[in-house]
């Protein structure tokens, strides 16, 4: 029988920064919760707490609706760093 791997407990980066609200226009803040194909990464991979994961999901969905983040990326169009294409609108 194979041994289970034990991973270290990740801490929520939003709790460390004491973030109270995650804005959908702040792409730099939410890009850590997106995969290379712009899928929302789960809590067990990002280490977010439940409260902040829900805020991140809502912000990503709003950013998709506002066309700041694409919904999907083709398999043929996958690039190493997809956030190079995104230009910060608000600074």
C-alpha atoms as a PDB file:
ATOM      1  CA  UNK A   1       0.000   0.000   0.000  1.00  0.00           C
ATOM      2  CA  UNK A   2       1.358   3.401  -0.989  1.00  0.00           C
ATOM      3  CA  UNK A   3       2.112   6.007   1.637  1.00  0.00           C
ATOM      4  CA  UNK A   4       0.130   9.186   1.674  1.00  0.00           C
ATOM      5  CA  UNK A   5       2.086  12.324   1.042  1.00  0.00           C
ATOM      6  CA  UNK A   6       1.915  14.896   3.764  1.00  0.00           C
ATOM      7  CA  UNK A   7       1.866  18.445   2.557  1.00  0.00           C
ATOM      8  CA  UNK A   8       2.530  21.437   4.720  1.00  0.00           C
ATOM      9  CA  UNK A   9      -0.437  23.538   5.689  1.00  0.00           C
ATOM     10  CA  UNK A  10      -0.592  26.631   3.532  1.00  0.00           C
ATOM     11  CA  UNK A  11      -1.645  29.924   5.004  1.00  0.00           C
ATOM     12  CA  UNK A  12      -4.133  32.299   3.480  1.00  0.00           C
ATOM     13  CA  UNK A  13      -2.246  35.117   1.769  1.00  0.00           C
ATOM     14  CA  UNK A  14      -5.235  37.422   2.114  1.00  0.00           C
ATOM     15  CA  UNK A  15      -5.368  36.887   5.899  1.00  0.00           C
ATOM     16  CA  UNK A  16      -1.652  37.676   6.115  1.00  0.00           C
ATOM     17  CA  UNK A  17      -2.193  40.953   4.228  1.00  0.00           C
ATOM     18  CA  UNK A  18      -5.356  41.650   6.278  1.00  0.00           C
ATOM     19  CA  UNK A  19      -7.506  42.092   3.165  1.00  0.00           C
ATOM     20  CA  UNK A  20     -11.149  42.841   3.963  1.00  0.00           C
ATOM     21  CA  UNK A  21     -12.467  43.112   0.392  1.00  0.00           C
ATOM     22  CA  UNK A  22     -11.201  41.690  -2.897  1.00  0.00           C
ATOM     23  CA  UNK A  23     -12.021  43.961  -5.827  1.00  0.00           C
ATOM     24  CA  UNK A  24     -12.680  42.427  -9.232  1.00  0.00           C
ATOM     25  CA  UNK A  25     -10.709  45.211 -10.931  1.00  0.00           C
ATOM     26  CA  UNK A  26      -7.510  44.290  -9.072  1.00  0.00           C
ATOM     27  CA  UNK A  27      -6.188  41.580 -11.412  1.00  0.00           C
ATOM     28  CA  UNK A  28      -2.822  41.415  -9.626  1.00  0.00           C
ATOM     29  CA  UNK A  29      -4.532  40.340  -6.425  1.00  0.00           C
ATOM     30  CA  UNK A  30      -6.736  37.613  -7.919  1.00  0.00           C
ATOM     31  CA  UNK A  31      -4.336  36.183 -10.500  1.00  0.00           C
ATOM     32  CA  UNK A  32      -2.747  33.904  -7.872  1.00  0.00           C
ATOM     33  CA  UNK A  33      -6.025  32.018  -7.649  1.00  0.00           C
ATOM     34  CA  UNK A  34      -6.228  31.332 -11.393  1.00  0.00           C
ATOM     35  CA  UNK A  35      -4.535  28.502 -13.270  1.00  0.00           C
ATOM     36  CA  UNK A  36      -2.708  28.889 -16.593  1.00  0.00           C
ATOM     37  CA  UNK A  37      -6.029  28.236 -18.343  1.00  0.00           C
ATOM     38  CA  UNK A  38      -7.837  30.805 -16.186  1.00  0.00           C
ATOM     39  CA  UNK A  39      -9.653  28.217 -14.086  1.00  0.00           C
ATOM     40  CA  UNK A  40     -10.343  29.017 -10.443  1.00  0.00           C
ATOM     41  CA  UNK A  41      -7.944  27.035  -8.289  1.00  0.00           C
ATOM     42  CA  UNK A  42      -9.345  25.208  -5.245  1.00  0.00           C
ATOM     43  CA  UNK A  43      -8.624  26.080  -1.624  1.00  0.00           C
ATOM     44  CA  UNK A  44      -6.452  23.043  -1.045  1.00  0.00           C
ATOM     45  CA  UNK A  45      -3.986  24.280  -3.680  1.00  0.00           C
ATOM     46  CA  UNK A  46      -4.008  28.002  -2.924  1.00  0.00           C
ATOM     47  CA  UNK A  47      -4.318  27.736   0.850  1.00  0.00           C
ATOM     48  CA  UNK A  48      -7.034  30.365   1.063  1.00  0.00           C
ATOM     49  CA  UNK A  49      -9.452  30.337   3.969  1.00  0.00           C
ATOM     50  CA  UNK A  50     -13.146  29.803   3.247  1.00  0.00           C
ATOM     51  CA  UNK A  51     -14.093  33.467   3.606  1.00  0.00           C
ATOM     52  CA  UNK A  52     -11.410  34.711   1.231  1.00  0.00           C
ATOM     53  CA  UNK A  53     -11.915  31.876  -1.259  1.00  0.00           C
ATOM     54  CA  UNK A  54     -15.562  32.899  -1.606  1.00  0.00           C
ATOM     55  CA  UNK A  55     -14.500  36.530  -2.129  1.00  0.00           C
ATOM     56  CA  UNK A  56     -11.948  35.444  -4.749  1.00  0.00           C
ATOM     57  CA  UNK A  57     -14.506  33.343  -6.616  1.00  0.00           C
ATOM     58  CA  UNK A  58     -16.986  36.199  -6.698  1.00  0.00           C
ATOM     59  CA  UNK A  59     -14.304  38.676  -7.843  1.00  0.00           C
ATOM     60  CA  UNK A  60     -13.127  36.344 -10.625  1.00  0.00           C
ATOM     61  CA  UNK A  61     -16.677  35.790 -11.841  1.00  0.00           C
ATOM     62  CA  UNK A  62     -17.292  39.540 -11.888  1.00  0.00           C
ATOM     63  CA  UNK A  63     -13.994  40.140 -13.707  1.00  0.00           C
ATOM     64  CA  UNK A  64     -14.980  37.553 -16.315  1.00  0.00           C
ATOM     65  CA  UNK A  65     -18.331  39.234 -16.801  1.00  0.00           C
ATOM     66  CA  UNK A  66     -16.601  42.609 -17.218  1.00  0.00           C
ATOM     67  CA  UNK A  67     -14.188  41.000 -19.750  1.00  0.00           C
ATOM     68  CA  UNK A  68     -11.106  41.678 -17.617  1.00  0.00           C
ATOM     69  CA  UNK A  69     -10.333  37.932 -17.443  1.00  0.00           C
ATOM     70  CA  UNK A  70     -11.291  35.453 -20.197  1.00  0.00           C
ATOM     71  CA  UNK A  71     -13.713  32.615 -19.503  1.00  0.00           C
ATOM     72  CA  UNK A  72     -11.695  29.922 -21.305  1.00  0.00           C
ATOM     73  CA  UNK A  73      -8.417  29.481 -23.174  1.00  0.00           C
ATOM     74  CA  UNK A  74      -7.929  27.106 -26.096  1.00  0.00           C
ATOM     75  CA  UNK A  75      -5.593  24.165 -25.726  1.00  0.00           C
ATOM     76  CA  UNK A  76      -3.636  25.413 -28.718  1.00  0.00           C
ATOM     77  CA  UNK A  77      -3.337  28.926 -27.301  1.00  0.00           C
ATOM     78  CA  UNK A  78      -1.920  28.103 -23.861  1.00  0.00           C
ATOM     79  CA  UNK A  79       1.079  30.300 -23.087  1.00  0.00           C
ATOM     80  CA  UNK A  80       3.561  30.137 -20.186  1.00  0.00           C
ATOM     81  CA  UNK A  81       2.396  33.363 -18.516  1.00  0.00           C
ATOM     82  CA  UNK A  82      -1.171  34.286 -19.503  1.00  0.00           C
ATOM     83  CA  UNK A  83      -1.143  37.450 -17.425  1.00  0.00           C
ATOM     84  CA  UNK A  84       1.270  39.144 -19.793  1.00  0.00           C
ATOM     85  CA  UNK A  85      -1.680  39.663 -22.125  1.00  0.00           C
ATOM     86  CA  UNK A  86      -3.770  41.361 -19.464  1.00  0.00           C
ATOM     87  CA  UNK A  87      -3.029  45.032 -19.195  1.00  0.00           C
ATOM     88  CA  UNK A  88      -3.784  46.707 -15.890  1.00  0.00           C
ATOM     89  CA  UNK A  89      -6.682  49.060 -16.520  1.00  0.00           C
ATOM     90  CA  UNK A  90      -6.849  50.713 -13.131  1.00  0.00           C
ATOM     91  CA  UNK A  91      -3.750  51.796 -11.277  1.00  0.00           C
END
